[in-house]
Structure formats: C-alpha cells, structure tokens
C-alpha atoms as a PDB file:
ATOM      1  CA  MET A   1      57.528 157.577  84.367  1.00  0.00           C
ATOM      2  CA  ILE A   2      59.065 161.136  84.301  1.00  0.00           C
ATOM      3  CA  SER A   3      61.601 162.493  86.606  1.00  0.00           C
ATOM      4  CA  VAL A   4      61.397 166.224  87.281  1.00  0.00           C
ATOM      5  CA  LEU A   5      64.973 167.296  88.263  1.00  0.00           C
ATOM      6  CA  LEU A   6      64.906 170.690  90.766  1.00  0.00           C
ATOM      7  CA  PRO A   7      67.814 172.079  91.933  1.00  0.00           C
ATOM      8  CA  VAL A   8      66.918 174.310  95.111  1.00  0.00           C
ATOM      9  CA  TYR A   9      69.110 177.078  96.445  1.00  0.00           C
ATOM     10  CA  ASN A  10      67.560 179.824  98.492  1.00  0.00           C
ATOM     11  CA  ALA A  11      64.374 179.722  96.870  1.00  0.00           C
ATOM     12  CA  ALA A  12      62.041 179.994  99.610  1.00  0.00           C
ATOM     13  CA  ALA A  13      60.120 183.056  98.256  1.00  0.00           C
ATOM     14  CA  THR A  14      59.167 181.221  95.170  1.00  0.00           C
ATOM     15  CA  LEU A  15      59.619 177.614  95.624  1.00  0.00           C
ATOM     16  CA  PRO A  16      55.620 176.846  97.240  1.00  0.00           C
ATOM     17  CA  THR A  17      54.045 178.014  93.896  1.00  0.00           C
ATOM     18  CA  ALA A  18      56.856 176.704  91.635  1.00  0.00           C
ATOM     19  CA  LEU A  19      56.367 173.058  93.346  1.00  0.00           C
ATOM     20  CA  ALA A  20      52.553 173.469  93.204  1.00  0.00           C
ATOM     21  CA  SER A  21      52.592 174.078  89.196  1.00  0.00           C
ATOM     22  CA  VAL A  22      54.331 170.694  89.083  1.00  0.00           C
ATOM     23  CA  LEU A  23      52.465 168.891  91.458  1.00  0.00           C
ATOM     24  CA  ARG A  24      49.104 169.577  89.738  1.00  0.00           C
ATOM     25  CA  GLN A  25      50.214 168.177  86.353  1.00  0.00           C
ATOM     26  CA  SER A  26      47.416 166.447  84.363  1.00  0.00           C
ATOM     27  CA  HIS A  27      50.170 163.978  83.523  1.00  0.00           C
ATOM     28  CA  ARG A  28      50.251 161.912  86.640  1.00  0.00           C
ATOM     29  CA  ASP A  29      53.091 159.254  86.150  1.00  0.00           C
ATOM     30  CA  PHE A  30      55.983 161.397  87.512  1.00  0.00           C
ATOM     31  CA  GLU A  31      58.252 161.905  90.696  1.00  0.00           C
ATOM     32  CA  VAL A  32      60.073 165.211  91.573  1.00  0.00           C
ATOM     33  CA  VAL A  33      63.709 164.882  92.592  1.00  0.00           C
ATOM     34  CA  ALA A  34      64.325 167.916  94.605  1.00  0.00           C
ATOM     35  CA  VAL A  35      67.785 168.661  95.608  1.00  0.00           C
ATOM     36  CA  ASP A  36      68.454 171.421  97.887  1.00  0.00           C
ATOM     37  CA  ASP A  37      72.452 172.756  97.835  1.00  0.00           C
ATOM     38  CA  GLY A  38      72.600 173.702 101.087  1.00  0.00           C
ATOM     39  CA  SER A  39      70.254 176.514 101.440  1.00  0.00           C
ATOM     40  CA  THR A  40      70.558 178.809 104.441  1.00  0.00           C
ATOM     41  CA  ASP A  41      66.613 180.117 104.020  1.00  0.00           C
ATOM     42  CA  ASP A  42      63.717 177.623 104.801  1.00  0.00           C
ATOM     43  CA  SER A  43      64.186 176.104 101.159  1.00  0.00           C
ATOM     44  CA  LEU A  44      64.831 172.419 102.833  1.00  0.00           C
ATOM     45  CA  ALA A  45      61.993 172.918 105.504  1.00  0.00           C
ATOM     46  CA  ILE A  46      59.375 173.656 102.737  1.00  0.00           C
ATOM     47  CA  LEU A  47      60.441 170.494 100.386  1.00  0.00           C
ATOM     48  CA  ARG A  48      60.311 168.386 103.570  1.00  0.00           C
ATOM     49  CA  ARG A  49      56.863 169.549 104.460  1.00  0.00           C
ATOM     50  CA  LEU A  50      55.539 169.074 101.023  1.00  0.00           C
ATOM     51  CA  ALA A  51      57.187 166.070 100.568  1.00  0.00           C
ATOM     52  CA  ALA A  52      55.432 164.799 103.752  1.00  0.00           C
ATOM     53  CA  ALA A  53      51.983 165.424 101.895  1.00  0.00           C
ATOM     54  CA  ASP A  54      52.954 164.112  98.553  1.00  0.00           C
ATOM     55  CA  PRO A  55      55.059 161.003  98.109  1.00  0.00           C
ATOM     56  CA  ARG A  56      55.973 162.230  94.597  1.00  0.00           C
ATOM     57  CA  LEU A  57      58.398 164.666  95.926  1.00  0.00           C
ATOM     58  CA  ARG A  58      61.504 163.190  96.707  1.00  0.00           C
ATOM     59  CA  VAL A  59      64.286 165.285  98.753  1.00  0.00           C
ATOM     60  CA  VAL A  60      67.917 165.390  98.929  1.00  0.00           C
ATOM     61  CA  ALA A  61      69.835 167.818 101.049  1.00  0.00           C
ATOM     62  CA  GLU A  62      73.182 168.082  99.923  1.00  0.00           C
ATOM     63  CA  PRO A  63      75.839 170.757 101.175  1.00  0.00           C
ATOM     64  CA  HIS A  64      76.540 173.799  99.459  1.00  0.00           C
ATOM     65  CA  ARG A  65      78.586 172.967  96.247  1.00  0.00           C
ATOM     66  CA  GLY A  66      76.839 174.844  93.281  1.00  0.00           C
ATOM     67  CA  LEU A  67      74.647 174.232  90.445  1.00  0.00           C
ATOM     68  CA  VAL A  68      76.443 171.613  88.323  1.00  0.00           C
ATOM     69  CA  THR A  69      77.146 169.364  91.495  1.00  0.00           C
ATOM     70  CA  THR A  70      73.334 169.748  92.652  1.00  0.00           C
ATOM     71  CA  LEU A  71      71.966 168.815  89.149  1.00  0.00           C
ATOM     72  CA  GLN A  72      74.549 165.378  88.942  1.00  0.00           C
ATOM     73  CA  ALA A  73      73.456 164.575  92.602  1.00  0.00           C
ATOM     74  CA  GLY A  74      69.956 164.858  91.335  1.00  0.00           C
ATOM     75  CA  LEU A  75      70.390 162.824  87.931  1.00  0.00           C
ATOM     76  CA  GLU A  76      71.982 160.189  90.112  1.00  0.00           C
ATOM     77  CA  ARG A  77      68.720 159.552  91.878  1.00  0.00           C
ATOM     78  CA  CYS A  78      66.225 159.826  89.037  1.00  0.00           C
ATOM     79  CA  ARG A  79      64.478 156.419  88.662  1.00  0.00           C
ATOM     80  CA  GLY A  80      62.425 157.625  85.207  1.00  0.00           C
ATOM     81  CA  GLU A  81      62.771 156.584  81.908  1.00  0.00           C
ATOM     82  CA  TRP A  82      62.529 160.549  80.765  1.00  0.00           C
ATOM     83  CA  LEU A  83      63.937 163.282  82.671  1.00  0.00           C
ATOM     84  CA  ALA A  84      62.192 166.608  82.482  1.00  0.00           C
ATOM     85  CA  ARG A  85      64.115 170.168  84.164  1.00  0.00           C
ATOM     86  CA  PHE A  86      62.481 172.549  85.924  1.00  0.00           C
ATOM     87  CA  ASP A  87      63.752 175.344  88.227  1.00  0.00           C
ATOM     88  CA  ALA A  88      62.629 176.415  91.614  1.00  0.00           C
ATOM     89  CA  ASP A  89      61.434 180.210  90.638  1.00  0.00           C
ATOM     90  CA  ASP A  90      59.424 179.252  87.510  1.00  0.00           C
ATOM     91  CA  LEU A  91      55.848 178.010  87.047  1.00  0.00           C
ATOM     92  CA  MET A  92      54.975 175.209  84.556  1.00  0.00           C
ATOM     93  CA  HIS A  93      51.736 174.916  82.649  1.00  0.00           C
ATOM     94  CA  ARG A  94      49.604 171.983  83.803  1.00  0.00           C
ATOM     95  CA  ASP A  95      49.888 170.202  80.600  1.00  0.00           C
ATOM     96  CA  ARG A  96      53.386 170.446  79.960  1.00  0.00           C
ATOM     97  CA  LEU A  97      54.627 167.189  81.001  1.00  0.00           C
ATOM     98  CA  ALA A  98      51.603 165.674  79.439  1.00  0.00           C
ATOM     99  CA  LEU A  99      52.146 167.265  75.941  1.00  0.00           C
ATOM    100  CA  GLN A 100      55.886 166.685  76.169  1.00  0.00           C
ATOM    101  CA  HIS A 101      55.323 162.832  77.279  1.00  0.00           C
ATOM    102  CA  ALA A 102      52.990 162.567  74.175  1.00  0.00           C
ATOM    103  CA  ALA A 103      55.561 164.211  71.832  1.00  0.00           C
ATOM    104  CA  ALA A 104      58.766 162.624  73.242  1.00  0.00           C
ATOM    105  CA  PHE A 105      61.458 160.846  71.104  1.00  0.00           C
ATOM    106  CA  ASP A 106      65.032 159.565  71.584  1.00  0.00           C
ATOM    107  CA  GLY A 107      66.442 163.322  71.718  1.00  0.00           C
ATOM    108  CA  VAL A 108      66.038 166.584  73.461  1.00  0.00           C
ATOM    109  CA  LEU A 109      62.451 168.108  73.533  1.00  0.00           C
ATOM    110  CA  GLY A 110      61.865 171.590  74.709  1.00  0.00           C
ATOM    111  CA  CYS A 111      59.058 173.996  74.521  1.00  0.00           C
ATOM    112  CA  ALA A 112      57.857 177.809  74.192  1.00  0.00           C
ATOM    113  CA  VAL A 113      58.459 180.044  77.411  1.00  0.00           C
ATOM    114  CA  GLN A 114      56.992 183.119  78.337  1.00  0.00           C
ATOM    115  CA  THR A 115      59.305 185.258  80.624  1.00  0.00           C
ATOM    116  CA  PHE A 116      57.503 187.136  83.749  1.00  0.00           C
ATOM    117  CA  PRO A 117      56.458 189.742  85.287  1.00  0.00           C
ATOM    118  CA  ARG A 118      55.840 191.318  81.481  1.00  0.00           C
ATOM    119  CA  ALA A 119      56.377 195.135  83.354  1.00  0.00           C
ATOM    120  CA  GLY A 120      60.014 196.190  82.894  1.00  0.00           C
ATOM    121  CA  LEU A 121      61.234 193.401  80.566  1.00  0.00           C
ATOM    122  CA  THR A 122      63.970 195.082  78.503  1.00  0.00           C
ATOM    123  CA  ASP A 123      63.690 194.711  74.387  1.00  0.00           C
ATOM    124  CA  GLY A 124      66.944 192.920  74.598  1.00  0.00           C
ATOM    125  CA  LEU A 125      65.014 189.830  76.636  1.00  0.00           C
ATOM    126  CA  ARG A 126      61.994 190.314  74.617  1.00  0.00           C
ATOM    127  CA  ARG A 127      64.029 189.555  71.457  1.00  0.00           C
ATOM    128  CA  TYR A 128      65.666 186.813  73.095  1.00  0.00           C
ATOM    129  CA  GLU A 129      62.200 185.261  74.033  1.00  0.00           C
ATOM    130  CA  SER A 130      61.258 185.823  70.329  1.00  0.00           C
ATOM    131  CA  TRP A 131      64.169 184.184  68.854  1.00  0.00           C
ATOM    132  CA  LEU A 132      64.116 181.242  71.480  1.00  0.00           C
ATOM    133  CA  ASN A 133      60.260 180.751  70.659  1.00  0.00           C
ATOM    134  CA  SER A 134      61.022 180.674  67.129  1.00  0.00           C
ATOM    135  CA  LEU A 135      63.381 177.812  66.852  1.00  0.00           C
ATOM    136  CA  LEU A 136      61.221 174.891  66.668  1.00  0.00           C
ATOM    137  CA  THR A 137      62.838 172.101  64.381  1.00  0.00           C
ATOM    138  CA  ASP A 138      65.991 170.169  64.504  1.00  0.00           C
ATOM    139  CA  ALA A 139      67.551 172.239  61.689  1.00  0.00           C
ATOM    140  CA  ALA A 140      66.526 175.699  63.096  1.00  0.00           C
ATOM    141  CA  ILE A 141      67.780 174.848  66.453  1.00  0.00           C
ATOM    142  CA  ARG A 142      71.365 173.154  64.923  1.00  0.00           C
ATOM    143  CA  ARG A 143      71.728 176.482  62.351  1.00  0.00           C
ATOM    144  CA  ASP A 144      71.608 178.927  65.664  1.00  0.00           C
ATOM    145  CA  LEU A 145      73.466 176.610  67.880  1.00  0.00           C
ATOM    146  CA  PHE A 146      76.311 178.838  67.979  1.00  0.00           C
ATOM    147  CA  VAL A 147      74.412 182.323  68.305  1.00  0.00           C
ATOM    148  CA  GLU A 148      73.252 181.451  71.732  1.00  0.00           C
ATOM    149  CA  SER A 149      71.678 178.916  73.896  1.00  0.00           C
ATOM    150  CA  PRO A 150      68.531 177.439  71.756  1.00  0.00           C
ATOM    151  CA  LEU A 151      66.896 175.703  74.502  1.00  0.00           C
ATOM    152  CA  ALA A 152      66.067 177.189  78.070  1.00  0.00           C
ATOM    153  CA  HIS A 153      67.181 174.353  79.974  1.00  0.00           C
ATOM    154  CA  PRO A 154      64.272 174.254  82.621  1.00  0.00           C
ATOM    155  CA  THR A 155      61.922 173.541  79.636  1.00  0.00           C
ATOM    156  CA  VAL A 156      63.502 170.259  78.431  1.00  0.00           C
ATOM    157  CA  LEU A 157      62.538 167.053  78.524  1.00  0.00           C
ATOM    158  CA  LEU A 158      64.852 163.822  77.468  1.00  0.00           C
ATOM    159  CA  PRO A 159      65.748 160.255  77.817  1.00  0.00           C
ATOM    160  CA  THR A 160      67.386 159.928  81.132  1.00  0.00           C
ATOM    161  CA  ALA A 161      69.769 157.398  79.707  1.00  0.00           C
ATOM    162  CA  LEU A 162      70.706 159.738  76.979  1.00  0.00           C
ATOM    163  CA  LEU A 163      71.924 162.249  79.380  1.00  0.00           C
ATOM    164  CA  ARG A 164      73.967 159.688  81.301  1.00  0.00           C
ATOM    165  CA  SER A 165      75.397 158.615  78.157  1.00  0.00           C
ATOM    166  CA  VAL A 166      77.390 161.812  77.379  1.00  0.00           C
ATOM    167  CA  GLY A 167      78.475 162.301  81.146  1.00  0.00           C
ATOM    168  CA  GLY A 168      75.748 164.213  82.654  1.00  0.00           C
ATOM    169  CA  TYR A 169      76.610 167.942  83.380  1.00  0.00           C
ATOM    170  CA  ARG A 170      80.130 169.400  83.544  1.00  0.00           C
ATOM    171  CA  ASP A 171      81.684 172.337  85.453  1.00  0.00           C
ATOM    172  CA  CYS A 172      84.006 173.859  82.906  1.00  0.00           C
ATOM    173  CA  GLY A 173      83.668 177.401  83.820  1.00  0.00           C
ATOM    174  CA  TRP A 174      80.714 177.958  81.133  1.00  0.00           C
ATOM    175  CA  PRO A 175      76.943 177.512  81.161  1.00  0.00           C
ATOM    176  CA  GLU A 176      76.552 173.852  81.891  1.00  0.00           C
ATOM    177  CA  ASP A 177      73.134 173.979  79.862  1.00  0.00           C
ATOM    178  CA  TYR A 178      74.785 175.238  76.727  1.00  0.00           C
ATOM    179  CA  ASP A 179      77.829 173.016  77.077  1.00  0.00           C
ATOM    180  CA  LEU A 180      75.483 169.896  77.107  1.00  0.00           C
ATOM    181  CA  TRP A 181      73.363 171.278  74.214  1.00  0.00           C
ATOM    182  CA  LEU A 182      76.614 171.318  72.138  1.00  0.00           C
ATOM    183  CA  ARG A 183      77.808 168.009  73.402  1.00  0.00           C
ATOM    184  CA  LEU A 184      74.712 166.580  72.286  1.00  0.00           C
ATOM    185  CA  ALA A 185      74.719 167.768  69.103  1.00  0.00           C
ATOM    186  CA  ALA A 186      78.065 166.605  68.428  1.00  0.00           C
ATOM    187  CA  ALA A 187      76.781 163.116  69.251  1.00  0.00           C
ATOM    188  CA  GLY A 188      74.134 163.361  66.588  1.00  0.00           C
ATOM    189  CA  THR A 189      71.463 163.969  68.906  1.00  0.00           C
ATOM    190  CA  ARG A 190      68.085 165.160  67.667  1.00  0.00           C
ATOM    191  CA  PHE A 191      66.242 168.259  68.977  1.00  0.00           C
ATOM    192  CA  ALA A 192      62.752 169.959  68.828  1.00  0.00           C
ATOM    193  CA  LYS A 193      60.577 172.278  70.609  1.00  0.00           C
ATOM    194  CA  LEU A 194      56.798 172.300  71.138  1.00  0.00           C
ATOM    195  CA  ALA A 195      55.195 175.715  70.007  1.00  0.00           C
ATOM    196  CA  PRO A 196      52.852 176.094  73.150  1.00  0.00           C
ATOM    197  CA  VAL A 197      54.226 178.100  75.854  1.00  0.00           C
ATOM    198  CA  LEU A 198      54.450 175.536  78.240  1.00  0.00           C
ATOM    199  CA  HIS A 199      56.870 177.271  80.722  1.00  0.00           C
ATOM    200  CA  TYR A 200      57.023 180.446  82.542  1.00  0.00           C
ATOM    201  CA  TRP A 201      60.390 181.692  83.109  1.00  0.00           C
ATOM    202  CA  ARG A 202      60.814 184.370  86.004  1.00  0.00           C
ATOM    203  CA  ASP A 203      63.007 187.260  85.417  1.00  0.00           C
ATOM    204  CA  HIS A 204      64.808 188.557  88.091  1.00  0.00           C
ATOM    205  CA  PRO A 205      68.135 190.181  89.084  1.00  0.00           C
ATOM    206  CA  GLY A 206      69.507 187.138  90.759  1.00  0.00           C
ATOM    207  CA  ARG A 207      68.869 184.890  87.868  1.00  0.00           C
ATOM    208  CA  LEU A 208      72.095 182.998  86.813  1.00  0.00           C
ATOM    209  CA  SER A 209      71.482 183.286  83.201  1.00  0.00           C
ATOM    210  CA  ARG A 210      71.698 187.587  83.784  1.00  0.00           C
ATOM    211  CA  GLY A 211      74.989 187.334  85.577  1.00  0.00           C
ATOM    212  CA  GLY A 212      78.518 187.192  85.018  1.00  0.00           C
ATOM    213  CA  GLY A 213      80.858 184.515  85.580  1.00  0.00           C
ATOM    214  CA  PRO A 214      80.437 181.128  83.958  1.00  0.00           C
ATOM    215  CA  TYR A 215      77.227 182.750  82.627  1.00  0.00           C
ATOM    216  CA  GLY A 216      78.589 186.275  81.265  1.00  0.00           C
ATOM    217  CA  ARG A 217      79.685 186.484  77.444  1.00  0.00           C
ATOM    218  CA  ALA A 218      83.113 185.717  77.975  1.00  0.00           C
ATOM    219  CA  ALA A 219      82.167 182.554  79.384  1.00  0.00           C
ATOM    220  CA  PHE A 220      79.935 181.619  76.451  1.00  0.00           C
ATOM    221  CA  ARG A 221      82.609 182.575  73.894  1.00  0.00           C
ATOM    222  CA  ARG A 222      84.862 180.235  75.822  1.00  0.00           C
ATOM    223  CA  CYS A 223      82.703 177.306  75.521  1.00  0.00           C
ATOM    224  CA  LYS A 224      81.527 177.880  71.748  1.00  0.00           C
ATOM    225  CA  LEU A 225      85.399 178.307  70.933  1.00  0.00           C
ATOM    226  CA  ASP A 226      86.193 175.299  72.660  1.00  0.00           C
ATOM    227  CA  HIS A 227      83.481 173.454  70.897  1.00  0.00           C
ATOM    228  CA  LEU A 228      84.254 174.953  67.400  1.00  0.00           C
ATOM    229  CA  LEU A 229      87.931 173.685  67.695  1.00  0.00           C
ATOM    230  CA  ARG A 230      86.225 170.243  68.270  1.00  0.00           C
ATOM    231  CA  SER A 231      83.763 170.275  65.295  1.00  0.00           C
ATOM    232  CA  HIS A 232      84.032 173.031  62.638  1.00  0.00           C
ATOM    233  CA  LEU A 233      87.503 174.021  62.990  1.00  0.00           C
ATOM    234  CA  ALA A 234      88.899 170.526  64.081  1.00  0.00           C
ATOM    235  CA  GLU A 235      90.562 170.316  60.830  1.00  0.00           C
ATOM    236  CA  ARG A 236      90.403 173.557  59.739  1.00  0.00           C
ATOM    237  CA  THR A 237      93.505 176.210  60.284  1.00  0.00           C
ATOM    238  CA  GLU A 238      92.255 179.257  58.382  1.00  0.00           C
ATOM    239  CA  VAL A 239      89.151 181.197  58.771  1.00  0.00           C
ATOM    240  CA  VAL A 240      87.677 184.493  57.252  1.00  0.00           C
ATOM    241  CA  ILE A 241      85.467 186.457  60.022  1.00  0.00           C
ATOM    242  CA  TRP A 242      82.353 188.494  58.646  1.00  0.00           C
ATOM    243  CA  GLY A 243      82.187 191.531  60.771  1.00  0.00           C
ATOM    244  CA  ALA A 244      85.152 193.777  61.671  1.00  0.00           C
ATOM    245  CA  GLY A 245      83.193 195.287  64.996  1.00  0.00           C
ATOM    246  CA  ASP A 246      83.501 194.575  68.401  1.00  0.00           C
ATOM    247  CA  GLY A 247      82.381 190.982  68.259  1.00  0.00           C
ATOM    248  CA  GLY A 248      84.317 190.214  64.979  1.00  0.00           C
ATOM    249  CA  ARG A 249      87.446 191.787  66.659  1.00  0.00           C
ATOM    250  CA  GLU A 250      87.130 189.779  69.966  1.00  0.00           C
ATOM    251  CA  TRP A 251      86.689 186.367  67.934  1.00  0.00           C
ATOM    252  CA  SER A 252      89.302 187.383  65.836  1.00  0.00           C
ATOM    253  CA  ARG A 253      91.667 187.186  69.267  1.00  0.00           C
ATOM    254  CA  LEU A 254      90.123 184.266  70.417  1.00  0.00           C
ATOM    255  CA  LEU A 255      91.012 182.529  67.316  1.00  0.00           C
ATOM    256  CA  THR A 256      94.273 183.843  66.644  1.00  0.00           C
ATOM    257  CA  GLY A 257      95.234 182.750  70.303  1.00  0.00           C
ATOM    258  CA  ALA A 258      93.730 179.262  69.622  1.00  0.00           C
ATOM    259  CA  GLY A 259      96.310 178.827  66.519  1.00  0.00           C
ATOM    260  CA  ARG A 260      93.838 179.532  63.742  1.00  0.00           C
ATOM    261  CA  ARG A 261      94.861 182.006  60.975  1.00  0.00           C
ATOM    262  CA  VAL A 262      92.221 184.604  60.082  1.00  0.00           C
ATOM    263  CA  VAL A 263      92.784 185.124  56.571  1.00  0.00           C
ATOM    264  CA  ALA A 264      90.049 188.546  56.385  1.00  0.00           C
ATOM    265  CA  GLN A 265      87.563 190.126  57.722  1.00  0.00           C
ATOM    266  CA  VAL A 266      84.436 191.055  55.712  1.00  0.00           C
ATOM    267  CA  ASP A 267      82.640 194.370  56.533  1.00  0.00           C
ATOM    268  CA  ILE A 268      80.171 196.628  54.633  1.00  0.00           C
ATOM    269  CA  ASP A 269      81.069 200.001  56.559  1.00  0.00           C
ATOM    270  CA  PRO A 270      83.527 201.972  53.976  1.00  0.00           C
ATOM    271  CA  ALA A 271      85.584 203.620  56.835  1.00  0.00           C
ATOM    272  CA  LYS A 272      86.616 199.759  58.099  1.00  0.00           C
ATOM    273  CA  ILE A 273      87.372 198.450  54.562  1.00  0.00           C
ATOM    274  CA  GLY A 274      90.899 198.851  53.981  1.00  0.00           C
ATOM    275  CA  GLY A 275      91.756 198.865  57.525  1.00  0.00           C
ATOM    276  CA  GLN A 276      93.719 195.835  59.387  1.00  0.00           C
ATOM    277  CA  VAL A 277      92.200 193.766  62.637  1.00  0.00           C
ATOM    278  CA  ARG A 278      95.014 192.112  63.949  1.00  0.00           C
ATOM    279  CA  GLY A 279      96.884 191.823  60.861  1.00  0.00           C
ATOM    280  CA  ALA A 280      94.276 190.621  58.906  1.00  0.00           C
ATOM    281  CA  PRO A 281      92.771 192.979  56.049  1.00  0.00           C
ATOM    282  CA  VAL A 282      89.124 194.161  56.191  1.00  0.00           C
ATOM    283  CA  VAL A 283      87.643 193.701  52.903  1.00  0.00           C
ATOM    284  CA  GLY A 284      84.201 194.285  51.369  1.00  0.00           C
ATOM    285  CA  PRO A 285      81.795 191.291  51.015  1.00  0.00           C
ATOM    286  CA  ASP A 286      82.627 191.081  47.108  1.00  0.00           C
ATOM    287  CA  TRP A 287      86.250 189.971  48.166  1.00  0.00           C
ATOM    288  CA  LEU A 288      84.342 186.558  49.025  1.00  0.00           C
ATOM    289  CA  ARG A 289      82.446 185.698  45.698  1.00  0.00           C
ATOM    290  CA  PRO A 290      85.681 184.774  43.785  1.00  0.00           C
ATOM    291  CA  ARG A 291      86.643 182.644  46.881  1.00  0.00           C
ATOM    292  CA  ARG A 292      85.741 179.946  49.064  1.00  0.00           C
ATOM    293  CA  PRO A 293      87.435 180.336  52.669  1.00  0.00           C
ATOM    294  CA  GLU A 294      87.806 177.123  54.679  1.00  0.00           C
ATOM    295  CA  LEU A 295      85.438 178.482  57.024  1.00  0.00           C
ATOM    296  CA  LEU A 296      83.497 181.516  57.087  1.00  0.00           C
ATOM    297  CA  LEU A 297      82.185 182.665  60.535  1.00  0.00           C
ATOM    298  CA  LEU A 298      79.267 185.329  60.384  1.00  0.00           C
ATOM    299  CA  THR A 299      79.736 187.415  63.693  1.00  0.00           C
ATOM    300  CA  VAL A 300      76.864 190.171  62.571  1.00  0.00           C
ATOM    301  CA  GLY A 301      74.609 190.354  65.481  1.00  0.00           C
ATOM    302  CA  VAL A 302      72.432 193.364  64.479  1.00  0.00           C
ATOM    303  CA  HIS A 303      68.901 192.433  64.501  1.00  0.00           C
ATOM    304  CA  GLY A 304      67.552 191.261  61.265  1.00  0.00           C
ATOM    305  CA  VAL A 305      70.957 191.290  59.429  1.00  0.00           C
ATOM    306  CA  ARG A 306      71.932 187.679  60.313  1.00  0.00           C
ATOM    307  CA  GLU A 307      68.996 186.570  57.922  1.00  0.00           C
ATOM    308  CA  GLN A 308      69.727 188.956  55.170  1.00  0.00           C
ATOM    309  CA  LEU A 309      73.294 187.767  55.009  1.00  0.00           C
ATOM    310  CA  ARG A 310      72.297 183.901  55.132  1.00  0.00           C
ATOM    311  CA  GLU A 311      70.167 184.546  52.250  1.00  0.00           C
ATOM    312  CA  GLN A 312      73.030 186.266  50.363  1.00  0.00           C
ATOM    313  CA  LEU A 313      75.591 183.431  51.203  1.00  0.00           C
ATOM    314  CA  ALA A 314      73.319 180.983  50.192  1.00  0.00           C
ATOM    315  CA  GLY A 315      72.798 182.907  46.506  1.00  0.00           C
ATOM    316  CA  TRP A 316      76.224 182.554  46.521  1.00  0.00           C
ATOM    317  CA  GLY A 317      76.415 179.033  46.849  1.00  0.00           C
ATOM    318  CA  TYR A 318      77.647 178.748  50.565  1.00  0.00           C
ATOM    319  CA  VAL A 319      75.989 175.988  52.599  1.00  0.00           C
ATOM    320  CA  GLU A 320      75.375 176.608  56.338  1.00  0.00           C
ATOM    321  CA  GLY A 321      76.983 174.247  58.605  1.00  0.00           C
ATOM    322  CA  VAL A 322      79.608 173.682  56.059  1.00  0.00           C
ATOM    323  CA  ASP A 323      80.870 176.443  54.299  1.00  0.00           C
ATOM    324  CA  PHE A 324      79.645 178.741  57.334  1.00  0.00           C
ATOM    325  CA  VAL A 325      78.337 179.205  60.512  1.00  0.00           C
ATOM    326  CA  CYS A 326      76.603 182.067  62.382  1.00  0.00           C
ATOM    327  CA  LEU A 327      78.029 182.896  65.923  1.00  0.00           C
ATOM    328  CA  ALA A 328      77.972 185.517  68.340  1.00  0.00           C
END
C-alpha cells in the first residue's frame, strides 16, 4: 500500500481539487494521511467531509506548529510500505501512483513537473522547471545536488522505512526537503525520476519555496555548507573557488567563517584577475592547469556556462564529485 502524506494549512481554496486528483488515481491501493496544521479557514471541515465519503482519507488534526512538525506527525501515522508526498495546492496526474509504484525501488523516485498557471511564469522559474525535469538519473541528480534541490518534494515516492531510517524530517532553519535529499545521499540512497509530467505544481505568491526565511537563498547556502563540511570538506582544509562574482564572494565568506582556507578564486574577467577576495588572489583559469587543489568549488551560475566549465575541467582530468563540485 502507498501512504500519500498530505500536510494542510489554510488550503481551503485548492484542497477539494487537489484531493480529487488523488482520490481518482488509477492505482487503488493507497491511503491519504492528511494532517491539518491548525488551519484557521475551512480546511479541516473540508477534510472531514471528504473523509466521511471516502475511507481512504484519514484526517489528523494538529495544533499549528509548522510544516516540519506536521510532516513528522503524518509520517508517524503512515501505514503503507511506500510513502508518496503531495501538497494541498497541487494536482496529481491520475496515473502518477500507478507508474511510480511500477517503477519503485529501494530509493527515492520523483517525476517531472509542470508549473501552472503558465501565464505569468518568470523566465527564472521556467529555467528551473526545465533543469528539474532534465535530472532523471541517479548520476545526474547527484551531480547537481549542491546546485539546487534536484527533486520537487511533492513528487517523490520512497519506502516509508527509508524515510524513518534517517529520522524523517528535521527543522534546522533551512528547507526540510533539501536537507532530506542531502542526508539520504550521504547514506548512499539512490535517486531517479520518471520523465513524464505526473505532477502539476501550482505557482502562487504564498508558496513556501518562493519565500524567504528557511526557504531563502541564505538558508539554502547554510544547508549546503553544513552538508559540504560533513562530506566533501570533512577532511579538506583548503579550497579554490571558480567565480569571483557575488556568489563566489559569498561562498568565500561562508567557507572562511567555517575554518576553510580559500587559496584562490578563478575568474575569466580581466578586470577581476589580479585583485583579491578576502585576501585570496583572483587568477585566470590557466592557473589551475599545473595545480590540483584539494577541492575546486564551481560557483558560476550563468545559464549554459556551467556545462562548458564541466567539459573544460573534464578535459584537464578533473573528476566531478571528487576534484570539483558545482555549487550555487
């Protein structure tokens, strides 16, 4: 059986259609564990009304304590071998559970997404959607693990026991889902994604992933730094950063503050080469060819340039994930 874990907070406007898309799934062996996080609108009443008509919907009413606590409360009540995440403002393709169940394995399985409504989508969000949907294999997902969150949380299916084995969700002041992928990756978990669009991701101003606080850029970087210090930088004290722009400078500050020495910052801008960032010289790319730093962090985020630099470094004998890591 699949347990669909659905946190709910003040979602009365979208909850009926979201739940309808789950309850009409072609795969029939599932339960929906809907946890209301102390909603002040009609969300709880809607859940209870729908649950009275469909026993597959189980409703849990909790005081308002936030998303992570709500997810943990739901996880404790999931009875299925498999856990599928879903959000109360999205829509699920009617074959999502069937296709994911057929392809399920002992790791994390996502699917492609389509953001809606399409009108008004920013170019940045369209690029993110395209990037997200391009990461289908374990290798591709791991390669970009420190760029951005490579999986949309409400699309995933994984063994319930796997999620419990790493302690479920944590509230660390950064995105709970991204933190989970990094912890699972460190534990050796495999990832994959189905290519068809099986999840429709609603974009609106109130979406958590568009906000600041624990979902802002600074929080993402704190999360990345914490996991880098536990993995690639656990036994390395010196780094070279490729990129002397705003992103590279911010990573220099964070890494220096964490006790790592930035040996140099690489850039192609003649106006920057010869200068310094926090005492580290700014050098051109050829500086790297006769040297092999302990770790090279590639922070250049210009669209299309990251792939070019990956090819260049591979030509110099650098191995991604060992000698260098892409970072944003």
